[in-house]
Protein backbone atom coordinates (compact mmCIF):
# COMPACT_ATOMS: atom_id res chain seq x y z
CA MET A 1 -0.23 -8.21 13.22
CA THR A 2 -4.00 -8.60 13.17
CA SER A 3 -5.69 -9.66 9.96
CA PHE A 4 -8.44 -7.52 8.49
CA ASP A 5 -10.67 -10.60 8.18
CA SER A 6 -10.52 -11.28 11.92
CA ILE A 7 -11.72 -7.75 12.70
CA VAL A 8 -14.51 -8.03 10.12
CA ALA A 9 -15.55 -11.38 11.61
CA GLU A 10 -15.80 -9.81 15.08
CA ILE A 11 -17.88 -6.92 13.72
CA LYS A 12 -20.24 -9.21 11.83
CA ASN A 13 -20.66 -11.43 14.88
CA SER A 14 -21.65 -8.45 17.05
CA LEU A 15 -23.98 -7.06 14.36
CA LYS A 16 -25.57 -10.31 13.22
CA GLN A 17 -28.96 -8.86 12.29
CA TYR A 18 -27.34 -6.30 9.98
CA ASP A 19 -24.98 -8.88 8.49
CA THR A 20 -27.89 -11.26 7.82
CA ALA A 21 -29.70 -8.41 6.05
CA ASN A 22 -26.57 -7.86 3.87
CA LEU A 23 -26.08 -4.34 5.22
CA ILE A 24 -22.33 -4.75 5.82
CA ASP A 25 -20.24 -4.15 2.70
CA GLU A 26 -16.66 -5.47 2.96
CA LEU A 27 -15.32 -3.28 0.14
CA SER A 28 -16.47 -0.21 2.06
CA LEU A 29 -14.87 -1.61 5.22
CA ILE A 30 -11.51 -1.90 3.45
CA ASP A 31 -11.71 1.69 2.19
CA TRP A 32 -12.76 2.98 5.63
CA THR A 33 -9.87 1.09 7.25
CA PHE A 34 -7.24 2.77 5.06
CA LYS A 35 -8.74 6.19 5.80
CA ALA A 36 -9.15 5.52 9.54
CA LEU A 37 -5.49 4.52 9.95
CA ARG A 38 -4.11 7.38 7.86
CA PRO A 39 -3.73 9.76 10.88
CA PHE A 40 -1.15 7.35 12.33
CA GLY A 41 1.07 8.00 9.32
CA ASN A 42 4.36 6.13 9.04
CA LEU A 43 4.22 4.99 12.66
CA ILE A 44 2.44 1.84 11.47
CA THR A 45 3.70 1.43 7.89
CA VAL A 46 6.28 -0.77 6.14
CA LYS A 47 8.21 -0.53 2.86
CA ASN A 48 6.33 -1.51 -0.30
CA GLU A 49 7.07 -1.54 -4.04
CA ALA A 50 4.78 -1.06 -7.03
CA VAL A 51 4.76 -0.22 -10.73
CA VAL A 52 2.23 2.51 -11.59
CA SER A 53 1.05 2.65 -15.20
CA ILE A 54 0.70 6.22 -16.51
CA ILE A 55 -2.08 6.85 -19.04
CA ASP A 56 -2.88 10.36 -20.28
CA GLY A 57 -0.58 11.89 -17.67
CA LYS A 58 -1.91 10.17 -14.56
CA GLY A 59 -1.87 6.87 -12.69
CA VAL A 60 -3.56 5.38 -9.65
CA LEU A 61 -1.36 4.85 -6.61
CA PRO A 62 -1.74 1.66 -4.52
CA ALA A 63 -4.60 1.68 -2.02
CA ASN A 64 -2.14 1.42 0.89
CA PHE A 65 0.11 4.27 -0.31
CA GLU A 66 1.07 6.71 2.45
CA SER A 67 4.38 8.34 1.56
CA LEU A 68 6.89 8.17 -1.27
CA ARG A 69 10.50 7.15 -0.78
CA TYR A 70 11.66 7.00 -4.41
CA ALA A 71 10.20 6.98 -7.93
CA THR A 72 11.78 6.21 -11.32
CA LEU A 73 10.33 6.26 -14.85
CA TYR A 74 10.77 3.13 -16.97
CA ASP A 75 9.77 2.23 -20.51
CA LYS A 76 7.71 -0.93 -20.90
CA GLY A 77 9.96 -3.49 -22.52
CA TRP A 78 8.42 -6.86 -23.29
CA VAL A 79 6.09 -9.43 -21.75
CA GLU A 80 6.58 -13.17 -21.36
CA SER A 81 3.32 -14.91 -20.48
CA GLU A 82 1.94 -18.34 -19.64
CA LEU A 83 5.33 -19.64 -18.45
CA SER A 84 5.00 -22.93 -16.58
CA THR A 85 6.56 -22.95 -13.12
CA ASP A 86 6.48 -25.03 -9.98
CA GLU A 87 3.75 -24.05 -7.57
CA LEU A 88 5.28 -21.33 -5.38
CA GLN A 89 4.68 -21.89 -1.65
CA LYS A 90 1.22 -23.21 -2.55
CA SER A 91 0.05 -19.65 -3.14
CA TYR A 92 -2.59 -19.01 -5.78
CA PHE A 93 -1.35 -15.47 -6.47
CA TRP A 94 2.23 -14.27 -5.98
CA LYS A 95 4.21 -11.23 -7.16
CA GLU A 96 7.98 -10.71 -7.25
CA ARG A 97 10.12 -7.81 -8.51
CA THR A 98 13.86 -7.89 -9.16
CA GLU A 99 16.27 -5.29 -10.53
CA HIS A 100 18.97 -6.24 -13.05
CA THR A 101 21.87 -4.48 -14.75
CA ASN A 102 22.92 -6.02 -18.08
CA ASP A 103 26.43 -5.27 -19.36
CA TRP A 104 27.81 -6.20 -22.81
CA ASN A 105 30.23 -4.96 -25.46
CA VAL A 106 30.34 -4.72 -29.24
CA CYS A 107 33.47 -5.97 -31.00
CA GLY A 108 34.72 -4.42 -34.23
CA ASP A 109 37.26 -1.77 -35.04
CA CYS A 110 36.80 -0.65 -31.46
CA VAL A 111 35.18 -2.03 -28.35
CA LYS A 112 32.22 -0.21 -26.88
CA ASN A 113 30.74 -1.13 -23.54
CA TYR A 114 26.99 -0.91 -22.96
CA SER A 115 24.94 -1.15 -19.79
CA GLU A 116 21.17 -1.34 -19.37
CA LYS A 117 19.21 -1.46 -16.12
CA THR A 118 15.87 -3.29 -16.11
CA ILE A 119 13.20 -4.27 -13.60
CA VAL A 120 11.51 -7.64 -14.00
CA GLU A 121 8.09 -8.05 -12.41
CA LYS A 122 6.98 -11.68 -12.12
CA ILE A 123 3.34 -12.48 -11.43
CA TYR A 124 2.44 -16.05 -10.53
CA LEU A 125 -1.12 -17.26 -10.96
CA HIS A 126 -1.27 -20.77 -9.51
CA ASN A 127 1.34 -22.64 -11.63
CA LYS A 128 1.61 -20.05 -14.43
CA GLU A 129 4.10 -17.19 -14.56
CA THR A 130 3.98 -13.87 -16.44
CA ARG A 131 7.05 -11.61 -16.62
CA PHE A 132 6.89 -7.86 -17.29
CA HIS A 133 10.22 -6.29 -18.27
CA TYR A 134 10.81 -2.54 -17.77
CA LYS A 135 13.90 -0.70 -19.06
CA ASN A 136 15.55 2.68 -19.65
CA PRO A 137 15.28 4.21 -16.14
CA ARG A 138 15.02 7.99 -15.83
CA TYR A 139 15.01 10.17 -12.77
CA LEU A 140 11.78 11.92 -11.77
CA LYS A 141 11.47 15.31 -10.13
CA LEU A 142 8.84 15.64 -7.42
CA SER A 143 6.82 18.82 -7.92
CA ARG A 144 6.93 21.40 -5.15
CA HIS A 145 3.13 21.49 -5.31
CA THR A 146 3.01 18.03 -3.70
CA ASN A 147 1.88 18.05 -0.08
CA LYS A 148 4.76 17.20 2.26
CA ASP A 149 2.71 14.46 3.90
CA ALA A 150 2.84 12.53 0.61
CA TYR A 151 6.60 11.88 0.69
CA MET A 152 9.21 10.80 3.20
CA ARG A 153 11.76 13.15 4.68
CA GLY A 154 14.85 12.72 2.54
CA CYS A 155 12.87 11.55 -0.51
CA GLN A 156 15.44 11.51 -3.33
CA ASN A 157 13.02 12.87 -5.91
CA THR A 158 12.89 16.24 -4.12
CA LYS A 159 16.60 16.73 -4.87
CA ILE A 160 16.59 15.70 -8.53
CA GLU A 161 16.62 17.98 -11.56
CA SER A 162 14.83 16.28 -14.42
CA PRO A 163 12.52 17.19 -17.32
CA PHE A 164 10.21 14.41 -16.09
CA GLU A 165 8.06 15.66 -13.21
CA ILE A 166 5.47 14.03 -10.94
CA THR A 167 2.89 15.38 -8.50
CA ILE A 168 1.04 13.34 -5.86
CA ASN A 169 -2.53 14.38 -5.12
CA ASN A 170 -5.29 12.35 -3.45
CA LYS A 171 -3.87 8.89 -4.22
CA MET A 172 -3.20 9.90 -7.83
CA LEU A 173 0.17 10.28 -9.52
CA HIS A 174 0.10 13.16 -12.03
CA THR A 175 2.91 13.54 -14.56
CA ASN A 176 4.08 15.95 -17.25
CA PHE A 177 4.47 13.02 -19.66
CA LYS A 178 1.63 11.08 -21.30
CA GLU A 179 2.65 7.45 -20.84
CA GLY A 180 5.16 5.31 -19.01
CA GLU A 181 5.71 2.93 -16.12
CA VAL A 182 6.71 4.51 -12.81
CA PHE A 183 8.43 2.25 -10.30
CA ILE A 184 7.87 3.48 -6.74
CA LEU A 185 9.31 2.57 -3.37
CA TYR A 186 6.85 3.76 -0.73
CA TYR A 187 5.59 3.31 2.81
CA GLY A 188 2.14 1.95 3.50
CA LEU A 189 0.19 -0.60 5.51
CA GLU A 190 1.23 -4.19 5.02
CA LEU A 191 -1.21 -6.12 2.81
CA ASP A 192 -2.16 -9.78 2.63
CA GLU A 193 -2.27 -11.74 -0.63
CA GLU A 194 -5.81 -10.47 -1.31
CA GLY A 195 -4.84 -6.81 -0.91
CA LYS A 196 -6.49 -6.45 2.49
CA PRO A 197 -4.61 -4.48 5.18
CA TYR A 198 -2.95 -6.02 8.19
CA ILE A 199 -3.62 -4.10 11.39
CA PRO A 200 -0.44 -3.50 13.44
CA GLN A 201 -0.83 -4.70 17.01
CA SER A 202 -0.57 -2.03 19.69
CA PRO A 203 -0.26 -2.30 23.49
CA HIS A 204 -3.61 -3.18 25.08
CA GLU A 205 -5.08 -3.65 21.54
CA ARG A 206 -6.16 0.01 21.51
CA LEU A 207 -5.50 0.44 17.79
CA GLU A 208 -7.75 -2.54 17.02
CA ASN A 209 -10.42 -1.22 19.42
CA TYR A 210 -10.35 2.21 17.78
CA LEU A 211 -10.72 0.69 14.32
CA THR A 212 -13.58 -1.58 15.43
CA TYR A 213 -15.58 1.33 16.90
CA HIS A 214 -14.87 3.41 13.79
CA LEU A 215 -16.04 0.73 11.36
CA LYS A 216 -19.20 0.04 13.35
CA ARG A 217 -20.01 3.76 13.37
CA LYS A 218 -19.53 3.97 9.59
CA ILE A 219 -21.83 0.98 9.12
CA PHE A 220 -24.57 2.57 11.24
CA GLU A 221 -24.17 5.92 9.49
CA THR A 222 -24.63 4.23 6.11
CA ILE A 223 -27.75 2.42 7.34
CA TRP A 224 -29.14 5.62 8.89
CA MET A 225 -28.64 7.65 5.70
CA ASN A 226 -30.39 5.01 3.63
CA SER A 227 -33.38 4.29 5.89
CA ASP A 228 -35.97 5.90 8.17
CA ASP A 229 -34.57 4.25 11.31
CA THR A 230 -34.16 7.34 13.51
CA GLY A 231 -33.46 5.24 16.62
CA ILE A 232 -30.02 4.42 15.30
CA GLU A 233 -28.72 7.92 16.01
CA GLY A 234 -28.07 7.11 19.67
CA LYS A 235 -25.85 4.16 18.67
CA ILE A 236 -23.89 6.40 16.33
CA GLN A 237 -23.25 8.95 19.08
CA TYR A 238 -22.14 6.23 21.50
CA LEU A 239 -19.78 4.65 18.97
CA LEU A 240 -18.34 8.05 18.05
CA SER A 241 -17.52 8.85 21.69
CA GLN A 242 -15.81 5.47 22.16
CA GLU A 243 -13.97 5.86 18.86
CA GLN A 244 -12.57 9.26 19.84
CA ALA A 245 -11.43 8.00 23.23
CA GLN A 246 -9.73 4.94 21.76
CA PHE A 247 -8.06 7.00 19.03
CA THR A 248 -6.29 9.17 21.60
CA LEU A 249 -5.16 6.11 23.58
CA ALA A 250 -4.08 4.24 20.45
CA LEU A 251 -2.04 7.18 19.14
CA THR A 252 -0.24 7.44 22.48
CA ASP A 253 0.47 3.70 22.52
CA VAL A 254 1.73 3.62 18.93
CA LYS A 255 4.06 6.58 19.50
CA ALA A 256 5.40 5.05 22.71
CA SER A 257 6.02 1.62 21.17
CA THR A 258 7.76 3.17 18.16
CA LEU A 259 10.20 5.01 20.43
CA THR A 260 11.28 1.87 22.30
CA MET A 261 13.89 -0.67 21.21
CA LYS A 262 11.12 -3.24 20.99
CA GLY A 263 9.22 -0.95 18.67
CA PHE A 264 12.24 -0.55 16.40
CA TYR A 265 12.77 -4.32 16.43
CA ASN A 266 9.14 -5.01 15.48
CA ILE A 267 9.30 -2.55 12.58
CA GLU A 268 12.52 -4.18 11.36
CA GLN A 269 10.94 -7.64 11.54
CA MET A 270 7.87 -6.45 9.60
CA ASN A 271 10.11 -4.97 6.90
CA LYS A 272 12.06 -8.23 6.62
CA LYS A 273 8.85 -10.20 6.35
CA ARG A 274 7.55 -7.84 3.66
CA THR A 275 10.71 -7.95 1.53
CA ALA A 276 11.09 -11.72 1.92
CA VAL A 277 8.32 -12.29 -0.65
CA PHE A 278 10.65 -10.98 -3.36
CA GLU A 279 13.27 -13.65 -2.64
CA TYR A 280 13.40 -17.34 -3.42
């Protein structure tokens, strides 16, 4: 995996005069990276989890969301905050989610058994811990108006009959209920602790090369649209031609590596690495 910061550092080093003039915006680079890698779909994604808060019938999906695997509606239970804890792996920010099923019975004239499933989301900020408890899970039906690219083949929500319905549109989750917490299992780019994307390594580094040319072109286009520097057009055309050539090569490489045993092994290792953060 290649870190986003290393690619940005290479771009800034090659465009020093623009970086010195503060013409390179990292937030824009992050957004452009997600969009530039979207055509590769699930060939370069890993499993992720998130809780999406629904307000007035809609919620914002994670920036790295690509396709849904499963979604469930939970009620917000209770919050435990400012809990002292040992520093976890020396990380300043850490997030962990676990699923529990609580069983108990009531004794009296008769015995009744009860069971309640909850999700506990723990957020660590340095040596402080906050726990969010979610309960009362309900199945969600995925609307047929959702584009097929927004969910995985075999997504369980396409087969569910439920009065609670969701629709995915342009990184937004729309619902037929006003409020709630939707737990989602989805595929997307792997992120670092700051929410920046990791760039999957491809044979001959063609995926990285494609992304570098793309980001440089976007930088020059932004400068061109906000200035009178007409000489920059030639650079944009050059970068666009290189970007298109590298995209074709990168797509071929990614498809080929995914279809090999090594490709399957690498994906499995990335998934294990991603899910390991939820374990002690």
